[in-house]
C-alpha cells in the first residue's frame, strides 16, 4: 500500500535535447577519475593517500577530520595521479589514473546493530553520498535521523528516471533493512506511479505526481513530515540506496553510474554507463554538434548543475551532463525586449509562453539585478509551506530567529532553483540559501 502525493505548483521547463531511448550505452573508459571534496558539504577533507600511491576501487582517498572512519573512496583501481590544492592548501580534487585492474576493497557485511551499520557506511564511502536536513550537508557522524527519505524521481529539466537503472527489488530491500537499523522512524521512498519501481519491503512508498520540483527531497519532506527545530532527517537518491544494497550483497561498493548526456548541443542525447567521477571528455568527445560558437558543459541540470570544462570531471550526484550554447557571442535585435517566438520565458509578455514548443536556451542571464523583488514569484514554483522572499531577506540580514521561524531547517538550495530561474530580479537565491545554511550551522553547532 502506498500513499499518493499530487504536486500542483512548479514547472516542467520545455527544452530541446531530451533522451528518447533509455537503453544505456557503454562510455569509453576515462583516462582519469576524480573525487572533489566540495561536492560533499560538511566533509572536512584530509588526505589518506599520497601522490603515486596504488589504490584499489573502494580504498580511502580522503577522510573526515572530525571522524576518521568517515571516508571518500576511489571509484577505480589505479594510481593516485594528483592531489590538487587551492588557496590555503585546500584540497580541490584527488585524481586517480586507472590501471585496468579489478581489485576492490571488500567489507565485512554481517551487520548486527546500528553501530556496525554506521561504521560500514562510513568506511565504504556511502555515508558521504547521503544528506542531512537541516543544513543540507553530509550527515553528522553522530546524528540520529527522525526519518529517512529516498528520492526515486529526478524531475529536473532533461533528466531521466533513475528507476530505469536502479530498481532491483532484492538489492533495494537489503539497503532499506540496513537503514532501518539507524532510525526509529520511517523510510519513505518517493516514486512515479509508472511501474518502474516496485514496492520495497520495509519502506513506505509515496507515488508523487506533478511538475518539477516534485522530485526534490525537500518537497517530499515538506508534504509528508516537515523538519522542526531540533529534528534531523536524512535524504538519499535511489542510486545511493542501490549502492548500499550492492555493498551488502557483494561485500564491495559498485561504482557503476548511469549518466544522461542531454542538451541542444548534443548530437544524439543518450544514457551512458560509466563510473562515478569520470572525466567529462570520456562522455562528451565526439558526442557534441560541431559548433563555431562557445558551448557550456554542465555537470548536472541547468538549474542546479556545476559548469565544468571539457577537461573537468563528473560531479556529485553523478546523474546528468547538459550541454547548451554559452550565448556570449549572440547579438539579438532589441535584446530582452525582443518578441521572438524562440525566446523561452514564463512571462505572458512573450509569445513563447503560449506556443507549447521546446526551446534551445543558452546560458545568458537575460535579466539583471534590481532592488525590486516581485512578490509571489517564488510561491508559484515552490510547493512547500515557505515564505521564500521573507526567508531570503532574513538570511541576507543574518537574523537567526527569523530564519528559524520562516523554515530554514526544511530547505536546501535546490528548492529555490526553479524560483531563481523565473525570478524577474535574478536574485542568486541558491547562493544566498547556501550561505545562510553555512552561517546557521557555524553559529549553532
Protein backbone atom coordinates (compact mmCIF):
# COMPACT_ATOMS: atom_id res chain seq x y z
CA UNK A 1 0.00 0.00 0.00
CA UNK A 2 1.38 3.41 -0.92
CA UNK A 3 0.26 6.93 -0.30
CA UNK A 4 -0.29 9.44 -3.10
CA UNK A 5 1.09 12.95 -3.32
CA UNK A 6 -0.04 15.38 -6.00
CA UNK A 7 2.11 18.48 -6.52
CA UNK A 8 0.42 21.37 -8.31
CA UNK A 9 2.97 24.16 -8.02
CA UNK A 10 6.06 24.06 -10.18
CA UNK A 11 7.09 23.97 -13.82
CA UNK A 12 8.47 21.49 -16.32
CA UNK A 13 10.85 23.55 -18.48
CA UNK A 14 10.50 22.55 -22.13
CA UNK A 15 14.00 22.22 -23.53
CA UNK A 16 15.40 20.52 -26.61
CA UNK A 17 17.90 17.74 -26.09
CA UNK A 18 16.00 15.15 -24.07
CA UNK A 19 16.73 11.42 -24.15
CA UNK A 20 14.31 9.34 -26.26
CA UNK A 21 15.87 5.89 -25.81
CA UNK A 22 16.52 4.83 -22.20
CA UNK A 23 18.79 1.94 -23.20
CA UNK A 24 22.25 2.67 -21.77
CA UNK A 25 25.40 2.53 -23.89
CA UNK A 26 28.90 1.98 -22.51
CA UNK A 27 31.08 5.09 -22.35
CA UNK A 28 34.78 4.80 -23.21
CA UNK A 29 37.00 4.26 -20.19
CA UNK A 30 38.10 7.56 -18.73
CA UNK A 31 41.81 8.42 -18.68
CA UNK A 32 41.38 9.54 -15.07
CA UNK A 33 38.77 9.84 -12.34
CA UNK A 34 38.42 12.46 -9.62
CA UNK A 35 36.78 12.87 -6.25
CA UNK A 36 36.02 16.53 -5.42
CA UNK A 37 35.53 17.33 -1.70
CA UNK A 38 33.49 20.48 -2.42
CA UNK A 39 30.69 18.21 -3.64
CA UNK A 40 30.33 16.87 -0.09
CA UNK A 41 29.43 19.89 2.01
CA UNK A 42 30.19 19.35 5.69
CA UNK A 43 33.00 16.90 4.95
CA UNK A 44 36.29 18.29 6.33
CA UNK A 45 38.77 16.61 3.98
CA UNK A 46 42.20 15.30 4.94
CA UNK A 47 44.28 13.14 2.57
CA UNK A 48 44.53 9.41 3.27
CA UNK A 49 46.97 8.84 0.38
CA UNK A 50 49.98 10.44 -1.31
CA UNK A 51 50.64 11.04 -4.98
CA UNK A 52 51.98 7.87 -6.55
CA UNK A 53 50.16 5.52 -4.14
CA UNK A 54 48.46 2.45 -5.59
CA UNK A 55 44.78 2.14 -4.63
CA UNK A 56 42.00 -0.39 -5.15
CA UNK A 57 38.44 0.55 -6.01
CA UNK A 58 36.81 1.45 -2.73
CA UNK A 59 40.09 2.33 -0.98
CA UNK A 60 40.02 5.60 1.01
CA UNK A 61 41.38 8.74 -0.65
CA UNK A 62 40.22 11.26 1.94
CA UNK A 63 38.92 11.07 5.49
CA UNK A 64 36.90 13.50 7.59
CA UNK A 65 38.93 15.43 10.15
CA UNK A 66 36.09 15.11 12.68
CA UNK A 67 35.70 11.33 12.29
CA UNK A 68 38.44 9.30 10.64
CA UNK A 69 36.02 6.44 9.94
CA UNK A 70 34.12 8.72 7.52
CA UNK A 71 35.80 8.48 4.12
CA UNK A 72 35.67 9.38 0.44
CA UNK A 73 36.96 6.48 -1.63
CA UNK A 74 38.47 5.73 -5.03
CA UNK A 75 35.97 4.65 -7.71
CA UNK A 76 38.63 2.68 -9.63
CA UNK A 77 41.81 0.65 -9.19
CA UNK A 78 44.89 2.62 -10.16
CA UNK A 79 47.46 5.19 -9.07
CA UNK A 80 46.89 8.49 -7.29
CA UNK A 81 47.97 10.85 -10.05
CA UNK A 82 47.47 14.16 -8.28
CA UNK A 83 46.18 15.78 -5.10
CA UNK A 84 45.28 19.23 -6.37
CA UNK A 85 45.22 22.03 -3.81
CA UNK A 86 43.98 25.60 -3.94
CA UNK A 87 44.27 28.59 -1.65
CA UNK A 88 45.37 27.84 1.92
CA UNK A 89 46.17 24.30 0.74
CA UNK A 90 42.51 23.42 0.44
CA UNK A 91 42.09 20.08 -1.38
CA UNK A 92 40.25 20.72 -4.66
CA UNK A 93 40.32 17.18 -6.04
CA UNK A 94 42.09 13.85 -5.87
CA UNK A 95 42.77 12.35 -9.31
CA UNK A 96 43.23 8.61 -9.85
CA UNK A 97 44.63 7.14 -13.07
CA UNK A 98 43.18 3.66 -13.72
CA UNK A 99 45.49 0.74 -14.45
CA UNK A 100 42.88 -1.63 -15.85
CA UNK A 101 42.80 -3.77 -12.69
CA UNK A 102 39.65 -5.01 -10.99
CA UNK A 103 40.82 -5.09 -7.38
CA UNK A 104 38.11 -3.97 -4.97
CA UNK A 105 38.24 -3.29 -1.26
CA UNK A 106 35.87 -5.71 0.47
CA UNK A 107 33.97 -5.17 3.68
CA UNK A 108 32.51 -7.45 6.31
CA UNK A 109 28.79 -7.08 5.73
CA UNK A 110 27.38 -9.10 8.61
CA UNK A 111 25.75 -6.15 10.37
CA UNK A 112 24.21 -6.88 13.76
CA UNK A 113 23.39 -3.45 15.13
CA UNK A 114 23.26 0.28 14.47
CA UNK A 115 26.91 0.89 15.35
CA UNK A 116 28.10 -1.69 12.80
CA UNK A 117 25.73 -0.30 10.16
CA UNK A 118 27.10 3.23 10.67
CA UNK A 119 30.69 2.02 10.54
CA UNK A 120 30.06 0.10 7.30
CA UNK A 121 28.55 3.11 5.54
CA UNK A 122 31.28 5.47 6.73
CA UNK A 123 34.18 3.23 5.69
CA UNK A 124 32.63 2.35 2.32
CA UNK A 125 32.23 5.99 1.29
CA UNK A 126 28.45 5.70 1.01
CA UNK A 127 27.74 7.75 4.13
CA UNK A 128 29.08 10.82 2.30
CA UNK A 129 26.57 10.27 -0.52
CA UNK A 130 23.65 10.89 1.84
CA UNK A 131 22.45 14.29 3.03
CA UNK A 132 21.08 15.67 6.27
CA UNK A 133 18.39 18.25 6.90
CA UNK A 134 18.85 20.74 8.44
CA UNK A 135 21.81 22.33 6.61
CA UNK A 136 21.81 20.03 3.52
CA UNK A 137 25.19 18.52 4.41
CA UNK A 138 26.81 15.12 4.72
CA UNK A 139 25.09 13.65 7.80
CA UNK A 140 26.72 14.42 11.11
CA UNK A 141 28.51 11.21 12.22
CA UNK A 142 26.58 11.22 15.49
CA UNK A 143 23.18 12.28 14.14
CA UNK A 144 20.14 10.07 14.68
CA UNK A 145 17.58 10.66 11.91
CA UNK A 146 13.92 11.01 12.77
CA UNK A 147 13.06 9.64 9.28
CA UNK A 148 14.90 8.80 6.07
CA UNK A 149 13.66 9.99 2.65
CA UNK A 150 14.70 8.33 -0.61
CA UNK A 151 14.05 10.08 -3.93
CA UNK A 152 13.49 7.68 -6.82
CA UNK A 153 12.45 10.59 -9.05
CA UNK A 154 14.51 13.12 -10.99
CA UNK A 155 12.13 15.79 -12.23
CA UNK A 156 14.80 18.30 -13.30
CA UNK A 157 14.96 19.55 -16.92
CA UNK A 158 16.00 16.81 -19.40
CA UNK A 159 16.52 14.24 -16.64
CA UNK A 160 15.77 10.52 -16.92
CA UNK A 161 14.16 8.25 -14.36
CA UNK A 162 16.69 6.58 -12.05
CA UNK A 163 14.18 3.77 -11.55
CA UNK A 164 15.03 2.57 -15.08
CA UNK A 165 18.52 1.54 -13.87
CA UNK A 166 18.48 1.04 -10.11
CA UNK A 167 15.29 -0.91 -9.47
CA UNK A 168 16.40 -4.42 -8.44
CA UNK A 169 13.99 -5.29 -5.64
CA UNK A 170 16.27 -7.59 -3.59
CA UNK A 171 19.11 -5.06 -3.70
CA UNK A 172 16.91 -2.17 -2.56
CA UNK A 173 15.25 -4.20 0.19
CA UNK A 174 18.66 -5.16 1.61
CA UNK A 175 19.56 -1.45 1.74
CA UNK A 176 16.28 -0.49 3.42
CA UNK A 177 16.81 -3.21 6.04
CA UNK A 178 20.21 -1.70 6.88
CA UNK A 179 18.94 1.89 7.03
CA UNK A 180 16.07 0.82 9.29
CA UNK A 181 18.66 0.00 11.96
CA UNK A 182 19.57 3.69 12.12
CA UNK A 183 16.17 5.32 12.56
CA UNK A 184 13.23 4.77 14.85
CA UNK A 185 11.04 6.47 12.30
CA UNK A 186 10.04 5.54 8.75
CA UNK A 187 11.85 5.20 5.46
CA UNK A 188 9.90 6.94 2.71
CA UNK A 189 10.54 6.30 -0.99
CA UNK A 190 9.16 8.84 -3.47
CA UNK A 191 8.48 7.38 -6.92
CA UNK A 192 6.43 7.89 -10.05
CA UNK A 193 3.40 5.66 -10.48
CA UNK A 194 4.77 4.30 -13.77
CA UNK A 195 5.53 0.76 -12.65
CA UNK A 196 9.31 1.10 -12.99
CA UNK A 197 9.86 0.73 -9.25
CA UNK A 198 8.04 -1.97 -7.31
CA UNK A 199 7.07 -1.75 -3.65
CA UNK A 200 10.06 -2.14 -1.35
CA UNK A 201 9.54 -4.13 1.83
CA UNK A 202 10.26 -2.07 4.93
CA UNK A 203 9.67 1.29 3.23
CA UNK A 204 6.58 3.42 2.80
CA UNK A 205 6.11 4.14 -0.88
CA UNK A 206 4.89 7.57 -1.97
CA UNK A 207 3.53 7.94 -5.51
CA UNK A 208 4.34 11.51 -6.50
CA UNK A 209 2.59 13.29 -9.35
CA UNK A 210 3.32 16.76 -10.65
CA UNK A 211 5.89 19.04 -12.29
CA UNK A 212 9.40 19.89 -11.16
CA UNK A 213 10.41 20.25 -8.31
CA UNK A 214 8.24 17.27 -7.36
CA UNK A 215 11.35 15.07 -7.44
CA UNK A 216 13.21 17.12 -4.83
CA UNK A 217 13.73 15.61 -1.40
CA UNK A 218 12.61 18.88 0.20
CA UNK A 219 9.21 18.66 -1.47
CA UNK A 220 8.77 15.08 -0.26
CA UNK A 221 9.71 16.06 3.29
CA UNK A 222 7.58 19.22 3.37
CA UNK A 223 4.44 17.40 2.22
CA UNK A 224 4.84 14.32 4.42
CA UNK A 225 6.57 15.30 7.65
CA UNK A 226 8.31 18.70 7.82
CA UNK A 227 11.53 19.17 9.78
CA UNK A 228 11.19 21.08 13.04
CA UNK A 229 13.93 22.67 15.10
CA UNK A 230 15.94 20.01 16.90
CA UNK A 231 15.00 17.26 14.43
CA UNK A 232 17.22 15.61 11.83
CA UNK A 233 16.24 13.70 8.71
CA UNK A 234 18.42 12.03 6.10
CA UNK A 235 17.93 12.06 2.35
CA UNK A 236 19.47 9.99 -0.42
CA UNK A 237 18.74 9.20 -4.05
CA UNK A 238 17.82 5.82 -5.49
CA UNK A 239 21.33 5.25 -6.87
CA UNK A 240 22.84 5.56 -3.39
CA UNK A 241 20.21 3.21 -1.95
CA UNK A 242 21.09 0.72 -4.71
CA UNK A 243 24.82 1.02 -3.96
CA UNK A 244 24.16 0.32 -0.27
CA UNK A 245 22.27 -2.82 -1.28
CA UNK A 246 25.03 -3.92 -3.65
CA UNK A 247 27.56 -3.47 -0.86
CA UNK A 248 25.54 -5.74 1.42
CA UNK A 249 25.05 -8.41 -1.25
CA UNK A 250 28.56 -8.45 -2.72
CA UNK A 251 30.83 -7.08 0.01
CA UNK A 252 32.11 -4.18 -2.11
CA UNK A 253 30.80 -0.90 -3.46
CA UNK A 254 29.56 -0.84 -7.06
CA UNK A 255 30.64 2.44 -8.65
CA UNK A 256 28.74 1.87 -11.90
CA UNK A 257 26.95 5.04 -12.90
CA UNK A 258 24.26 5.88 -15.47
CA UNK A 259 24.61 9.41 -16.80
CA UNK A 260 22.15 11.18 -19.10
CA UNK A 261 24.01 13.19 -21.76
CA UNK A 262 21.50 15.87 -22.70
CA UNK A 263 21.04 19.33 -24.16
CA UNK A 264 20.57 21.02 -27.51
CA UNK A 265 24.32 20.86 -28.24
CA UNK A 266 24.40 17.04 -28.07
CA UNK A 267 24.10 15.17 -31.40
CA UNK A 268 22.09 12.27 -30.01
CA UNK A 269 21.10 12.55 -26.34
CA UNK A 270 21.58 9.23 -24.59
CA UNK A 271 22.21 7.46 -21.32
CA UNK A 272 25.82 6.36 -20.85
CA UNK A 273 27.12 3.69 -18.48
CA UNK A 274 30.32 4.85 -16.79
CA UNK A 275 31.93 5.12 -13.34
CA UNK A 276 31.41 7.96 -10.87
CA UNK A 277 33.99 10.72 -11.10
CA UNK A 278 34.78 10.06 -14.78
CA UNK A 279 36.43 12.75 -16.91
CA UNK A 280 33.92 14.83 -18.85
CA UNK A 281 35.86 14.22 -22.07
CA UNK A 282 35.16 10.48 -21.88
CA UNK A 283 31.44 11.25 -22.07
CA UNK A 284 31.35 14.19 -24.49
CA UNK A 285 34.14 13.58 -27.04
CA UNK A 286 32.52 13.05 -30.43
CA UNK A 287 29.04 13.49 -28.93
CA UNK A 288 28.55 17.24 -29.42
CA UNK A 289 27.34 19.03 -32.53
CA UNK A 290 30.14 20.81 -34.43
CA UNK A 291 29.94 24.46 -33.47
CA UNK A 292 31.73 27.74 -34.07
CA UNK A 293 30.08 29.24 -31.01
CA UNK A 294 31.03 28.50 -27.41
CA UNK A 295 29.33 25.65 -25.59
CA UNK A 296 28.65 25.39 -21.88
CA UNK A 297 29.08 21.95 -20.34
CA UNK A 298 27.19 21.49 -17.09
CA UNK A 299 27.66 18.55 -14.76
CA UNK A 300 24.06 18.22 -13.65
CA UNK A 301 20.95 20.00 -14.89
CA UNK A 302 20.58 23.62 -16.00
CA UNK A 303 19.03 24.70 -12.69
CA UNK A 304 21.42 23.27 -10.09
CA UNK A 305 24.39 21.87 -12.04
CA UNK A 306 28.03 22.96 -11.95
CA UNK A 307 29.73 24.44 -15.01
CA UNK A 308 32.74 22.33 -15.96
CA UNK A 309 35.21 22.47 -18.81
CA UNK A 310 35.89 19.70 -21.29
CA UNK A 311 38.86 18.87 -19.04
CA UNK A 312 36.68 18.64 -15.93
CA UNK A 313 35.11 15.71 -14.12
CA UNK A 314 31.63 14.36 -13.46
CA UNK A 315 30.37 15.91 -10.24
CA UNK A 316 28.17 14.51 -7.47
CA UNK A 317 25.35 13.38 -7.68
CA UNK A 318 26.73 11.98 -10.97
CA UNK A 319 23.40 11.75 -12.82
CA UNK A 320 23.47 14.08 -15.81
CA UNK A 321 25.52 16.22 -18.19
CA UNK A 322 23.80 19.08 -20.01
CA UNK A 323 25.38 20.97 -22.90
CA UNK A 324 23.85 24.25 -24.13
CA UNK A 325 25.15 27.26 -26.09
CA UNK A 326 27.11 29.75 -24.00
CA UNK A 327 25.42 32.73 -25.68
CA UNK A 328 28.37 35.09 -25.23
CA UNK A 329 28.54 35.77 -28.97
CA UNK A 330 24.84 36.39 -29.58
CA UNK A 331 23.54 39.67 -30.89
CA UNK A 332 19.78 39.93 -30.54
CA UNK A 333 17.79 42.79 -32.02
CA UNK A 334 16.04 44.69 -29.22
CA UNK A 335 17.73 42.45 -26.63
CA UNK A 336 15.48 41.47 -23.73
CA UNK A 337 12.55 43.31 -25.32
CA UNK A 338 12.57 41.09 -28.39
CA UNK A 339 9.25 39.35 -29.00
CA UNK A 340 10.85 36.48 -30.91
CA UNK A 341 8.84 33.24 -30.52
CA UNK A 342 12.18 31.47 -29.97
CA UNK A 343 12.63 33.21 -26.62
CA UNK A 344 11.91 30.94 -23.68
CA UNK A 345 10.02 32.70 -20.91
CA UNK A 346 7.28 32.13 -18.37
CA UNK A 347 6.15 35.73 -18.68
CA UNK A 348 2.94 36.33 -20.62
CA UNK A 349 4.74 39.25 -22.22
CA UNK A 350 6.45 36.83 -24.63
CA UNK A 351 4.72 34.64 -27.23
CA UNK A 352 6.91 31.65 -26.36
CA UNK A 353 4.82 31.27 -23.21
CA UNK A 354 1.85 30.12 -25.27
CA UNK A 355 3.43 28.08 -28.08
CA UNK A 356 3.85 24.76 -26.25
CA UNK A 357 7.15 24.09 -28.05
CA UNK A 358 10.60 23.01 -26.89
CA UNK A 359 13.26 25.71 -26.71
CA UNK A 360 17.02 25.91 -27.17
CA UNK A 361 18.07 28.36 -24.46
CA UNK A 362 21.64 29.49 -23.94
CA UNK A 363 23.44 30.36 -20.71
CA UNK A 364 22.75 34.11 -20.71
CA UNK A 365 21.15 35.53 -17.60
CA UNK A 366 18.62 37.59 -19.62
CA UNK A 367 17.89 39.83 -16.71
CA UNK A 368 19.67 41.95 -14.17
CA UNK A 369 19.93 42.77 -10.53
CA UNK A 370 17.42 45.29 -9.33
CA UNK A 371 16.05 46.32 -5.98
CA UNK A 372 12.52 45.22 -6.75
CA UNK A 373 11.50 41.68 -5.87
CA UNK A 374 8.12 40.90 -7.35
CA UNK A 375 6.03 39.45 -4.57
CA UNK A 376 4.73 35.91 -5.04
CA UNK A 377 7.09 34.84 -7.81
CA UNK A 378 8.76 32.13 -5.72
CA UNK A 379 5.42 30.98 -4.30
CA UNK A 380 4.30 29.92 -7.78
CA UNK A 381 7.16 27.44 -8.09
CA UNK A 382 7.75 26.17 -4.53
CA UNK A 383 5.27 23.51 -3.36
CA UNK A 384 6.38 24.00 0.24
CA UNK A 385 4.91 25.96 3.13
CA UNK A 386 7.74 28.50 2.92
CA UNK A 387 7.55 32.29 2.54
CA UNK A 388 10.54 32.34 0.23
CA UNK A 389 11.07 36.07 -0.24
CA UNK A 390 10.93 36.75 3.51
CA UNK A 391 13.29 33.85 4.23
CA UNK A 392 15.80 35.20 1.70
CA UNK A 393 15.65 38.63 3.35
CA UNK A 394 16.16 37.10 6.80
CA UNK A 395 19.20 35.19 5.52
CA UNK A 396 20.71 38.32 3.95
CA UNK A 397 20.18 40.15 7.26
CA UNK A 398 21.64 37.19 9.22
CA UNK A 399 18.58 37.22 11.51
CA UNK A 400 18.74 33.72 13.01
CA UNK A 401 15.43 33.98 14.88
CA UNK A 402 13.53 34.95 11.72
CA UNK A 403 15.37 32.36 9.66
CA UNK A 404 14.21 29.65 12.07
CA UNK A 405 10.61 30.88 12.14
CA UNK A 406 10.49 31.05 8.34
CA UNK A 407 11.56 27.43 7.89
CA UNK A 408 15.26 27.40 7.08
CA UNK A 409 15.65 23.97 8.68
CA UNK A 410 13.46 22.48 5.95
CA UNK A 411 15.18 23.82 2.84
CA UNK A 412 18.17 23.23 0.61
CA UNK A 413 19.47 25.47 -2.20
CA UNK A 414 17.93 23.20 -4.86
CA UNK A 415 14.45 24.02 -3.54
CA UNK A 416 14.93 27.62 -4.71
CA UNK A 417 16.40 26.79 -8.12
CA UNK A 418 13.17 26.93 -10.13
CA UNK A 419 12.09 30.16 -8.47
CA UNK A 420 15.52 31.62 -9.18
CA UNK A 421 15.08 30.77 -12.87
CA UNK A 422 11.74 32.61 -13.02
CA UNK A 423 12.80 35.50 -10.76
CA UNK A 424 12.49 38.81 -12.60
CA UNK A 425 15.23 40.29 -10.42
CA UNK A 426 17.58 37.33 -10.98
CA UNK A 427 18.31 37.05 -7.27
CA UNK A 428 21.03 34.46 -6.59
CA UNK A 429 18.70 32.56 -4.30
CA UNK A 430 20.62 29.28 -4.23
CA UNK A 431 23.84 31.04 -3.25
CA UNK A 432 22.04 33.04 -0.57
CA UNK A 433 20.43 29.92 0.92
CA UNK A 434 23.73 28.02 0.92
CA UNK A 435 25.46 30.89 2.72
CA UNK A 436 22.59 31.09 5.19
CA UNK A 437 22.73 27.38 6.00
CA UNK A 438 26.50 27.53 6.48
CA UNK A 439 26.18 30.60 8.72
CA UNK A 440 23.45 28.98 10.81
CA UNK A 441 25.48 25.79 11.27
CA UNK A 442 28.58 27.76 12.27
CA UNK A 443 26.65 29.81 14.84
CA UNK A 444 24.59 26.99 16.39
CA UNK A 445 26.83 23.93 16.36
